[in-house]
Amino acid sequence: MVVSIGWNPYYKNMKKSIETHIMRTFKEDFYGEILNVAIADYLRTEKNFDSLESLISAIQGDIEEAKK
Protein backbone atom coordinates (compact mmCIF):
# COMPACT_ATOMS: atom_id res chain seq x y z
CA MET A 1 0.00 0.00 0.00
CA VAL A 2 0.90 3.62 -0.25
CA VAL A 3 -0.35 6.34 2.02
CA SER A 4 -0.85 10.01 1.31
CA ILE A 5 -0.91 12.28 4.35
CA GLY A 6 -1.60 15.92 3.74
CA TRP A 7 -3.93 18.78 3.00
CA ASN A 8 -6.84 17.93 0.76
CA PRO A 9 -7.44 20.36 -2.14
CA TYR A 10 -11.00 19.00 -2.50
CA TYR A 11 -11.77 20.59 0.88
CA LYS A 12 -9.92 23.81 -0.06
CA ASN A 13 -6.95 22.59 2.00
CA MET A 14 -8.89 23.16 5.22
CA LYS A 15 -8.81 19.47 6.16
CA LYS A 16 -5.77 17.27 6.55
CA SER A 17 -6.45 13.69 5.50
CA ILE A 18 -4.86 10.28 5.28
CA GLU A 19 -5.57 8.29 2.11
CA THR A 20 -4.48 4.65 1.98
CA HIS A 21 -4.15 3.09 -1.47
CA ILE A 22 -4.00 -0.70 -1.40
CA MET A 23 -2.20 -2.14 -4.41
CA ARG A 24 -3.29 -5.73 -3.91
CA THR A 25 -6.56 -7.27 -5.08
CA PHE A 26 -8.76 -8.94 -2.47
CA LYS A 27 -11.74 -11.23 -3.01
CA GLU A 28 -13.86 -9.37 -0.45
CA ASP A 29 -14.88 -5.73 -0.42
CA PHE A 30 -13.96 -4.00 2.84
CA TYR A 31 -14.76 -0.45 1.79
CA GLY A 32 -15.75 1.62 4.82
CA GLU A 33 -13.99 -0.66 7.29
CA ILE A 34 -11.34 0.51 9.74
CA LEU A 35 -7.75 -0.24 8.68
CA ASN A 36 -4.71 -0.47 10.91
CA VAL A 37 -1.86 1.10 8.97
CA ALA A 38 1.83 0.86 9.83
CA ILE A 39 4.02 3.35 7.97
CA ALA A 40 7.42 1.84 7.23
CA ASP A 41 9.08 4.35 4.89
CA TYR A 42 8.88 7.80 3.32
CA LEU A 43 9.12 8.44 -0.42
CA ARG A 44 8.47 12.12 -1.10
CA THR A 45 6.78 15.30 0.04
CA GLU A 46 3.18 16.17 -0.70
CA LYS A 47 2.53 18.02 -3.95
CA ASN A 48 -0.31 19.13 -6.20
CA PHE A 49 -0.67 17.79 -9.74
CA ASP A 50 -1.81 19.69 -12.81
CA SER A 51 -3.47 16.65 -14.38
CA LEU A 52 -4.61 13.12 -13.72
CA GLU A 53 -1.87 11.87 -16.05
CA SER A 54 0.88 13.52 -13.98
CA LEU A 55 -0.62 12.07 -10.78
CA ILE A 56 -0.69 8.58 -12.32
CA SER A 57 2.89 8.98 -13.52
CA ALA A 58 4.06 10.05 -10.05
CA ILE A 59 2.27 7.12 -8.41
CA GLN A 60 3.87 4.70 -10.89
CA GLY A 61 7.26 6.21 -10.05
CA ASP A 62 6.50 5.83 -6.35
CA ILE A 63 5.63 2.15 -6.85
CA GLU A 64 8.91 1.57 -8.72
CA GLU A 65 10.88 3.39 -6.01
CA ALA A 66 9.19 1.34 -3.28
CA LYS A 67 10.22 -1.90 -5.01
CA LYS A 68 13.93 -1.03 -4.62
PDB file of N, CA and C in Angstrom:
ATOM      1  N   MET A   1       0.829  -1.180   0.000  1.00  0.00           N
ATOM      2  CA  MET A   1       0.000   0.000   0.000  1.00  0.00           C
ATOM      3  C   MET A   1       0.866   1.234   0.000  1.00  0.00           C
ATOM      4  N   VAL A   2       0.273   2.311  -0.393  1.00  0.00           N
ATOM      5  CA  VAL A   2       0.899   3.622  -0.251  1.00  0.00           C
ATOM      6  C   VAL A   2      -0.069   4.506   0.510  1.00  0.00           C
ATOM      7  N   VAL A   3       0.467   5.462   1.209  1.00  0.00           N
ATOM      8  CA  VAL A   3      -0.351   6.339   2.022  1.00  0.00           C
ATOM      9  C   VAL A   3      -0.009   7.786   1.678  1.00  0.00           C
ATOM     10  N   SER A   4      -1.026   8.571   1.506  1.00  0.00           N
ATOM     11  CA  SER A   4      -0.851  10.009   1.312  1.00  0.00           C
ATOM     12  C   SER A   4      -1.378  10.706   2.557  1.00  0.00           C
ATOM     13  N   ILE A   5      -0.522  11.505   3.172  1.00  0.00           N
ATOM     14  CA  ILE A   5      -0.912  12.277   4.351  1.00  0.00           C
ATOM     15  C   ILE A   5      -0.709  13.742   4.003  1.00  0.00           C
ATOM     16  N   GLY A   6      -1.774  14.516   4.050  1.00  0.00           N
ATOM     17  CA  GLY A   6      -1.602  15.924   3.740  1.00  0.00           C
ATOM     18  C   GLY A   6      -2.904  16.670   3.612  1.00  0.00           C
ATOM     19  N   TRP A   7      -2.768  17.901   3.164  1.00  0.00           N
ATOM     20  CA  TRP A   7      -3.927  18.777   3.000  1.00  0.00           C
ATOM     21  C   TRP A   7      -4.681  18.374   1.761  1.00  0.00           C
ATOM     22  N   ASN A   8      -5.994  18.416   1.835  1.00  0.00           N
ATOM     23  CA  ASN A   8      -6.843  17.932   0.757  1.00  0.00           C
ATOM     24  C   ASN A   8      -7.405  19.101  -0.047  1.00  0.00           C
ATOM     25  N   PRO A   9      -6.949  19.252  -1.312  1.00  0.00           N
ATOM     26  CA  PRO A   9      -7.439  20.357  -2.140  1.00  0.00           C
ATOM     27  C   PRO A   9      -8.956  20.322  -2.354  1.00  0.00           C
ATOM     28  N   TYR A  10      -9.551  19.120  -2.319  1.00  0.00           N
ATOM     29  CA  TYR A  10     -10.996  18.998  -2.495  1.00  0.00           C
ATOM     30  C   TYR A  10     -11.735  19.795  -1.421  1.00  0.00           C
ATOM     31  N   TYR A  11     -11.177  19.840  -0.233  1.00  0.00           N
ATOM     32  CA  TYR A  11     -11.774  20.595   0.876  1.00  0.00           C
ATOM     33  C   TYR A  11     -11.109  21.948   1.047  1.00  0.00           C
ATOM     34  N   LYS A  12     -10.584  22.508  -0.054  1.00  0.00           N
ATOM     35  CA  LYS A  12      -9.922  23.813  -0.057  1.00  0.00           C
ATOM     36  C   LYS A  12      -8.762  23.865   0.944  1.00  0.00           C
ATOM     37  N   ASN A  13      -8.112  22.726   1.110  1.00  0.00           N
ATOM     38  CA  ASN A  13      -6.952  22.589   2.000  1.00  0.00           C
ATOM     39  C   ASN A  13      -7.251  23.008   3.435  1.00  0.00           C
ATOM     40  N   MET A  14      -8.495  22.865   3.841  1.00  0.00           N
ATOM     41  CA  MET A  14      -8.888  23.161   5.215  1.00  0.00           C
ATOM     42  C   MET A  14      -8.854  21.904   6.087  1.00  0.00           C
ATOM     43  N   LYS A  15      -8.812  20.733   5.444  1.00  0.00           N
ATOM     44  CA  LYS A  15      -8.805  19.467   6.165  1.00  0.00           C
ATOM     45  C   LYS A  15      -7.570  18.675   5.791  1.00  0.00           C
ATOM     46  N   LYS A  16      -6.887  18.173   6.791  1.00  0.00           N
ATOM     47  CA  LYS A  16      -5.772  17.272   6.552  1.00  0.00           C
ATOM     48  C   LYS A  16      -6.342  15.855   6.546  1.00  0.00           C
ATOM     49  N   SER A  17      -5.893  15.036   5.604  1.00  0.00           N
ATOM     50  CA  SER A  17      -6.453  13.693   5.498  1.00  0.00           C
ATOM     51  C   SER A  17      -5.355  12.656   5.306  1.00  0.00           C
ATOM     52  N   ILE A  18      -5.728  11.419   5.541  1.00  0.00           N
ATOM     53  CA  ILE A  18      -4.861  10.277   5.281  1.00  0.00           C
ATOM     54  C   ILE A  18      -5.601   9.393   4.289  1.00  0.00           C
ATOM     55  N   GLU A  19      -4.984   9.161   3.122  1.00  0.00           N
ATOM     56  CA  GLU A  19      -5.568   8.295   2.110  1.00  0.00           C
ATOM     57  C   GLU A  19      -4.668   7.083   1.942  1.00  0.00           C
ATOM     58  N   THR A  20      -5.226   5.896   2.126  1.00  0.00           N
ATOM     59  CA  THR A  20      -4.478   4.655   1.980  1.00  0.00           C
ATOM     60  C   THR A  20      -4.884   3.991   0.677  1.00  0.00           C
ATOM     61  N   HIS A  21      -3.900   3.732  -0.183  1.00  0.00           N
ATOM     62  CA  HIS A  21      -4.154   3.091  -1.474  1.00  0.00           C
ATOM     63  C   HIS A  21      -3.562   1.691  -1.430  1.00  0.00           C
ATOM     64  N   ILE A  22      -4.436   0.692  -1.463  1.00  0.00           N
ATOM     65  CA  ILE A  22      -4.002  -0.698  -1.399  1.00  0.00           C
ATOM     66  C   ILE A  22      -3.755  -1.188  -2.820  1.00  0.00           C
ATOM     67  N   MET A  23      -2.581  -1.734  -3.069  1.00  0.00           N
ATOM     68  CA  MET A  23      -2.199  -2.137  -4.415  1.00  0.00           C
ATOM     69  C   MET A  23      -2.379  -3.633  -4.653  1.00  0.00           C
ATOM     70  N   ARG A  24      -3.042  -4.305  -3.772  1.00  0.00           N
ATOM     71  CA  ARG A  24      -3.292  -5.735  -3.908  1.00  0.00           C
ATOM     72  C   ARG A  24      -4.785  -5.941  -4.102  1.00  0.00           C
ATOM     73  N   THR A  25      -5.156  -6.949  -4.863  1.00  0.00           N
ATOM     74  CA  THR A  25      -6.562  -7.265  -5.082  1.00  0.00           C
ATOM     75  C   THR A  25      -7.021  -8.288  -4.044  1.00  0.00           C
ATOM     76  N   PHE A  26      -8.171  -8.026  -3.443  1.00  0.00           N
ATOM     77  CA  PHE A  26      -8.758  -8.935  -2.465  1.00  0.00           C
ATOM     78  C   PHE A  26     -10.085  -9.451  -2.997  1.00  0.00           C
ATOM     79  N   LYS A  27     -10.463 -10.642  -2.583  1.00  0.00           N
ATOM     80  CA  LYS A  27     -11.739 -11.228  -3.014  1.00  0.00           C
ATOM     81  C   LYS A  27     -12.925 -10.495  -2.403  1.00  0.00           C
ATOM     82  N   GLU A  28     -12.756 -10.010  -1.174  1.00  0.00           N
ATOM     83  CA  GLU A  28     -13.856  -9.371  -0.454  1.00  0.00           C
ATOM     84  C   GLU A  28     -13.727  -7.854  -0.505  1.00  0.00           C
ATOM     85  N   ASP A  29     -14.853  -7.183  -0.468  1.00  0.00           N
ATOM     86  CA  ASP A  29     -14.876  -5.726  -0.418  1.00  0.00           C
ATOM     87  C   ASP A  29     -14.904  -5.306   1.045  1.00  0.00           C
ATOM     88  N   PHE A  30     -13.954  -4.485   1.456  1.00  0.00           N
ATOM     89  CA  PHE A  30     -13.956  -4.003   2.837  1.00  0.00           C
ATOM     90  C   PHE A  30     -14.008  -2.488   2.883  1.00  0.00           C
ATOM     91  N   TYR A  31     -14.597  -1.902   1.854  1.00  0.00           N
ATOM     92  CA  TYR A  31     -14.760  -0.451   1.792  1.00  0.00           C
ATOM     93  C   TYR A  31     -15.545   0.026   3.016  1.00  0.00           C
ATOM     94  N   GLY A  32     -15.075   1.077   3.657  1.00  0.00           N
ATOM     95  CA  GLY A  32     -15.751   1.624   4.824  1.00  0.00           C
ATOM     96  C   GLY A  32     -15.307   0.999   6.139  1.00  0.00           C
ATOM     97  N   GLU A  33     -14.477  -0.018   6.072  1.00  0.00           N
ATOM     98  CA  GLU A  33     -13.988  -0.659   7.292  1.00  0.00           C
ATOM     99  C   GLU A  33     -12.811   0.132   7.859  1.00  0.00           C
ATOM    100  N   ILE A  34     -12.476  -0.130   9.094  1.00  0.00           N
ATOM    101  CA  ILE A  34     -11.340   0.514   9.744  1.00  0.00           C
ATOM    102  C   ILE A  34     -10.077  -0.293   9.431  1.00  0.00           C
ATOM    103  N   LEU A  35      -9.024   0.395   8.981  1.00  0.00           N
ATOM    104  CA  LEU A  35      -7.750  -0.244   8.683  1.00  0.00           C
ATOM    105  C   LEU A  35      -6.722   0.160   9.728  1.00  0.00           C
ATOM    106  N   ASN A  36      -5.902  -0.776  10.124  1.00  0.00           N
ATOM    107  CA  ASN A  36      -4.711  -0.468  10.913  1.00  0.00           C
ATOM    108  C   ASN A  36      -3.576  -0.332   9.924  1.00  0.00           C
ATOM    109  N   VAL A  37      -2.901   0.808   9.935  1.00  0.00           N
ATOM    110  CA  VAL A  37      -1.861   1.102   8.969  1.00  0.00           C
ATOM    111  C   VAL A  37      -0.545   1.344   9.698  1.00  0.00           C
ATOM    112  N   ALA A  38       0.491   0.645   9.289  1.00  0.00           N
ATOM    113  CA  ALA A  38       1.832   0.857   9.832  1.00  0.00           C
ATOM    114  C   ALA A  38       2.683   1.476   8.729  1.00  0.00           C
ATOM    115  N   ILE A  39       3.203   2.660   8.958  1.00  0.00           N
ATOM    116  CA  ILE A  39       4.016   3.352   7.967  1.00  0.00           C
ATOM    117  C   ILE A  39       5.468   2.943   8.182  1.00  0.00           C
ATOM    118  N   ALA A  40       6.075   2.387   7.111  1.00  0.00           N
ATOM    119  CA  ALA A  40       7.423   1.839   7.225  1.00  0.00           C
ATOM    120  C   ALA A  40       8.484   2.682   6.531  1.00  0.00           C
ATOM    121  N   ASP A  41       8.087   3.588   5.634  1.00  0.00           N
ATOM    122  CA  ASP A  41       9.080   4.352   4.889  1.00  0.00           C
ATOM    123  C   ASP A  41       8.466   5.640   4.374  1.00  0.00           C
ATOM    124  N   TYR A  42       9.296   6.504   3.842  1.00  0.00           N
ATOM    125  CA  TYR A  42       8.879   7.803   3.324  1.00  0.00           C
ATOM    126  C   TYR A  42       9.465   7.964   1.934  1.00  0.00           C
ATOM    127  N   LEU A  43       8.629   8.298   0.949  1.00  0.00           N
ATOM    128  CA  LEU A  43       9.115   8.437  -0.419  1.00  0.00           C
ATOM    129  C   LEU A  43       9.336   9.879  -0.847  1.00  0.00           C
ATOM    130  N   ARG A  44       8.343  10.739  -0.616  1.00  0.00           N
ATOM    131  CA  ARG A  44       8.468  12.115  -1.099  1.00  0.00           C
ATOM    132  C   ARG A  44       7.484  13.021  -0.377  1.00  0.00           C
ATOM    133  N   THR A  45       7.671  14.323  -0.568  1.00  0.00           N
ATOM    134  CA  THR A  45       6.778  15.296   0.041  1.00  0.00           C
ATOM    135  C   THR A  45       5.448  15.348  -0.718  1.00  0.00           C
ATOM    136  N   GLU A  46       4.484  15.957  -0.093  1.00  0.00           N
ATOM    137  CA  GLU A  46       3.176  16.170  -0.700  1.00  0.00           C
ATOM    138  C   GLU A  46       3.301  17.204  -1.817  1.00  0.00           C
ATOM    139  N   LYS A  47       2.539  17.016  -2.906  1.00  0.00           N
ATOM    140  CA  LYS A  47       2.527  18.023  -3.952  1.00  0.00           C
ATOM    141  C   LYS A  47       1.220  17.967  -4.718  1.00  0.00           C
ATOM    142  N   ASN A  48       0.885  19.073  -5.358  1.00  0.00           N
ATOM    143  CA  ASN A  48      -0.313  19.131  -6.198  1.00  0.00           C
ATOM    144  C   ASN A  48       0.063  18.750  -7.623  1.00  0.00           C
ATOM    145  N   PHE A  49      -0.894  18.209  -8.363  1.00  0.00           N
ATOM    146  CA  PHE A  49      -0.669  17.788  -9.737  1.00  0.00           C
ATOM    147  C   PHE A  49      -1.584  18.573 -10.662  1.00  0.00           C
ATOM    148  N   ASP A  50      -1.053  18.919 -11.826  1.00  0.00           N
ATOM    149  CA  ASP A  50      -1.812  19.687 -12.808  1.00  0.00           C
ATOM    150  C   ASP A  50      -2.815  18.845 -13.575  1.00  0.00           C
ATOM    151  N   SER A  51      -2.583  17.522 -13.612  1.00  0.00           N
ATOM    152  CA  SER A  51      -3.469  16.652 -14.383  1.00  0.00           C
ATOM    153  C   SER A  51      -3.501  15.260 -13.780  1.00  0.00           C
ATOM    154  N   LEU A  52      -4.497  14.511 -14.158  1.00  0.00           N
ATOM    155  CA  LEU A  52      -4.606  13.116 -13.716  1.00  0.00           C
ATOM    156  C   LEU A  52      -3.419  12.317 -14.232  1.00  0.00           C
ATOM    157  N   GLU A  53      -2.990  12.604 -15.452  1.00  0.00           N
ATOM    158  CA  GLU A  53      -1.869  11.873 -16.045  1.00  0.00           C
ATOM    159  C   GLU A  53      -0.589  12.064 -15.238  1.00  0.00           C
ATOM    160  N   SER A  54      -0.330  13.300 -14.774  1.00  0.00           N
ATOM    161  CA  SER A  54       0.883  13.520 -13.984  1.00  0.00           C
ATOM    162  C   SER A  54       0.778  12.864 -12.613  1.00  0.00           C
ATOM    163  N   LEU A  55      -0.419  12.788 -12.046  1.00  0.00           N
ATOM    164  CA  LEU A  55      -0.619  12.069 -10.785  1.00  0.00           C
ATOM    165  C   LEU A  55      -0.339  10.585 -10.983  1.00  0.00           C
ATOM    166  N   ILE A  56      -0.906  10.007 -12.034  1.00  0.00           N
ATOM    167  CA  ILE A  56      -0.693   8.584 -12.320  1.00  0.00           C
ATOM    168  C   ILE A  56       0.784   8.295 -12.535  1.00  0.00           C
ATOM    169  N   SER A  57       1.460   9.158 -13.268  1.00  0.00           N
ATOM    170  CA  SER A  57       2.887   8.984 -13.523  1.00  0.00           C
ATOM    171  C   SER A  57       3.682   9.018 -12.221  1.00  0.00           C
ATOM    172  N   ALA A  58       3.357   9.948 -11.339  1.00  0.00           N
ATOM    173  CA  ALA A  58       4.056  10.052 -10.054  1.00  0.00           C
ATOM    174  C   ALA A  58       3.813   8.811  -9.204  1.00  0.00           C
ATOM    175  N   ILE A  59       2.583   8.327  -9.191  1.00  0.00           N
ATOM    176  CA  ILE A  59       2.273   7.117  -8.413  1.00  0.00           C
ATOM    177  C   ILE A  59       3.037   5.915  -8.966  1.00  0.00           C
ATOM    178  N   GLN A  60       3.103   5.803 -10.299  1.00  0.00           N
ATOM    179  CA  GLN A  60       3.866   4.700 -10.892  1.00  0.00           C
ATOM    180  C   GLN A  60       5.340   4.799 -10.521  1.00  0.00           C
ATOM    181  N   GLY A  61       5.876   6.015 -10.492  1.00  0.00           N
ATOM    182  CA  GLY A  61       7.257   6.209 -10.052  1.00  0.00           C
ATOM    183  C   GLY A  61       7.440   5.848  -8.591  1.00  0.00           C
ATOM    184  N   ASP A  62       6.457   6.178  -7.769  1.00  0.00           N
ATOM    185  CA  ASP A  62       6.504   5.825  -6.349  1.00  0.00           C
ATOM    186  C   ASP A  62       6.529   4.311  -6.161  1.00  0.00           C
ATOM    187  N   ILE A  63       5.701   3.621  -6.942  1.00  0.00           N
ATOM    188  CA  ILE A  63       5.635   2.153  -6.854  1.00  0.00           C
ATOM    189  C   ILE A  63       6.992   1.555  -7.223  1.00  0.00           C
ATOM    190  N   GLU A  64       7.592   2.057  -8.299  1.00  0.00           N
ATOM    191  CA  GLU A  64       8.905   1.565  -8.722  1.00  0.00           C
ATOM    192  C   GLU A  64       9.964   1.847  -7.649  1.00  0.00           C
ATOM    193  N   GLU A  65       9.930   3.031  -7.065  1.00  0.00           N
ATOM    194  CA  GLU A  65      10.884   3.386  -6.011  1.00  0.00           C
ATOM    195  C   GLU A  65      10.701   2.493  -4.788  1.00  0.00           C
ATOM    196  N   ALA A  66       9.460   2.177  -4.452  1.00  0.00           N
ATOM    197  CA  ALA A  66       9.187   1.337  -3.275  1.00  0.00           C
ATOM    198  C   ALA A  66       9.668  -0.097  -3.481  1.00  0.00           C
ATOM    199  N   LYS A  67       9.770  -0.537  -4.721  1.00  0.00           N
ATOM    200  CA  LYS A  67      10.223  -1.898  -5.008  1.00  0.00           C
ATOM    201  C   LYS A  67      11.725  -2.065  -4.778  1.00  0.00           C
ATOM    202  N   LYS A  68      12.469  -0.961  -4.756  1.00  0.00           N
ATOM    203  CA  LYS A  68      13.929  -1.025  -4.624  1.00  0.00           C
ATOM    204  C   LYS A  68      14.356  -1.458  -3.235  1.00  0.00           C
TER     205      LYS A  68
END
